[in-house]
């Protein structure tokens, strides 16, 4: 399974469907430094991305494939913050 990490000059976020966050049972472990558009979570690269990678690896026996998408500007910071009720 392939996921995109969106990066800009200051930060990065892995885009993960909320359905996968729910299936992995990690919503409670995601911080408010991540964002959501109501369909996907954008997990900040420093902590929340690692929570996802570890849970994915545990569930699937391998790390997720991650591809990079760089942009000078991304609207991710303008999205609502993730909260642990986002996937419920």
Protein backbone atom coordinates (compact mmCIF):
# COMPACT_ATOMS: atom_id res chain seq x y z
CA UNK A 1 0.00 0.00 0.00
CA UNK A 2 1.37 3.42 -0.98
CA UNK A 3 0.96 6.68 0.91
CA UNK A 4 2.04 10.20 0.00
CA UNK A 5 4.11 12.46 2.20
CA UNK A 6 3.35 16.06 1.33
CA UNK A 7 6.28 18.36 2.06
CA UNK A 8 6.83 22.08 1.81
CA UNK A 9 9.86 24.17 2.78
CA UNK A 10 8.99 23.85 6.48
CA UNK A 11 7.36 20.51 7.22
CA UNK A 12 5.81 17.27 6.00
CA UNK A 13 2.66 15.20 6.50
CA UNK A 14 1.78 11.66 5.46
CA UNK A 15 -1.69 11.46 3.93
CA UNK A 16 -3.62 8.51 5.37
CA UNK A 17 -7.33 7.75 4.87
CA UNK A 18 -9.29 8.05 8.11
CA UNK A 19 -10.65 4.55 7.52
CA UNK A 20 -7.12 3.17 7.83
CA UNK A 21 -6.47 5.22 10.99
CA UNK A 22 -9.66 3.69 12.45
CA UNK A 23 -8.77 0.12 11.38
CA UNK A 24 -5.33 0.46 12.96
CA UNK A 25 -6.91 1.83 16.16
CA UNK A 26 -4.45 4.71 16.44
CA UNK A 27 -6.74 7.78 16.44
CA UNK A 28 -6.19 8.24 20.18
CA UNK A 29 -2.44 8.36 19.57
CA UNK A 30 -2.49 11.11 16.92
CA UNK A 31 -1.71 14.64 18.13
CA UNK A 32 -3.36 17.93 17.26
CA UNK A 33 -0.25 18.76 15.19
CA UNK A 34 -1.82 16.70 12.42
CA UNK A 35 -4.70 17.81 10.20
CA UNK A 36 -7.75 16.34 8.46
CA UNK A 37 -9.95 17.16 5.51
CA UNK A 38 -12.74 14.86 6.74
CA UNK A 39 -11.64 12.01 4.49
CA UNK A 40 -7.89 11.83 5.12
CA UNK A 41 -5.55 12.60 7.97
CA UNK A 42 -2.31 14.46 7.29
CA UNK A 43 0.01 13.08 9.95
CA UNK A 44 2.85 15.39 10.92
CA UNK A 45 6.24 13.94 10.15
CA UNK A 46 7.93 14.21 13.55
CA UNK A 47 5.73 12.03 15.77
CA UNK A 48 2.37 11.08 14.30
CA UNK A 49 3.82 9.65 11.08
CA UNK A 50 5.94 7.29 13.17
CA UNK A 51 2.87 6.15 15.14
CA UNK A 52 1.23 5.27 11.83
CA UNK A 53 4.28 3.53 10.37
CA UNK A 54 4.72 1.37 13.48
CA UNK A 55 1.02 0.41 13.59
CA UNK A 56 0.95 -0.33 9.86
CA UNK A 57 4.05 -2.49 10.12
CA UNK A 58 2.61 -4.41 13.05
CA UNK A 59 -0.68 -5.02 11.22
CA UNK A 60 0.77 -5.84 7.78
CA UNK A 61 4.22 -7.21 8.50
CA UNK A 62 5.91 -4.56 6.36
CA UNK A 63 6.39 -0.82 6.25
CA UNK A 64 4.08 1.23 4.07
CA UNK A 65 5.47 2.51 0.80
CA UNK A 66 5.78 6.29 0.96
CA UNK A 67 6.21 8.59 -2.02
CA UNK A 68 7.13 12.24 -1.78
CA UNK A 69 5.10 15.16 -3.13
CA UNK A 70 6.88 18.51 -2.69
CA UNK A 71 5.22 21.91 -3.10
CA UNK A 72 6.36 25.40 -2.21
CA UNK A 73 2.92 25.96 -0.68
CA UNK A 74 0.44 23.46 0.66
CA UNK A 75 -2.99 24.13 2.12
CA UNK A 76 -2.59 21.44 4.77
CA UNK A 77 -1.95 23.98 7.56
CA UNK A 78 -5.31 25.61 6.75
CA UNK A 79 -7.22 22.36 7.39
CA UNK A 80 -8.89 21.58 10.73
CA UNK A 81 -6.65 20.02 13.36
CA UNK A 82 -6.95 16.28 13.91
CA UNK A 83 -8.55 15.22 17.17
CA UNK A 84 -9.02 11.72 18.50
CA UNK A 85 -12.74 11.84 17.68
CA UNK A 86 -12.08 12.53 13.98
CA UNK A 87 -12.48 8.89 12.92
CA UNK A 88 -15.55 8.08 15.02
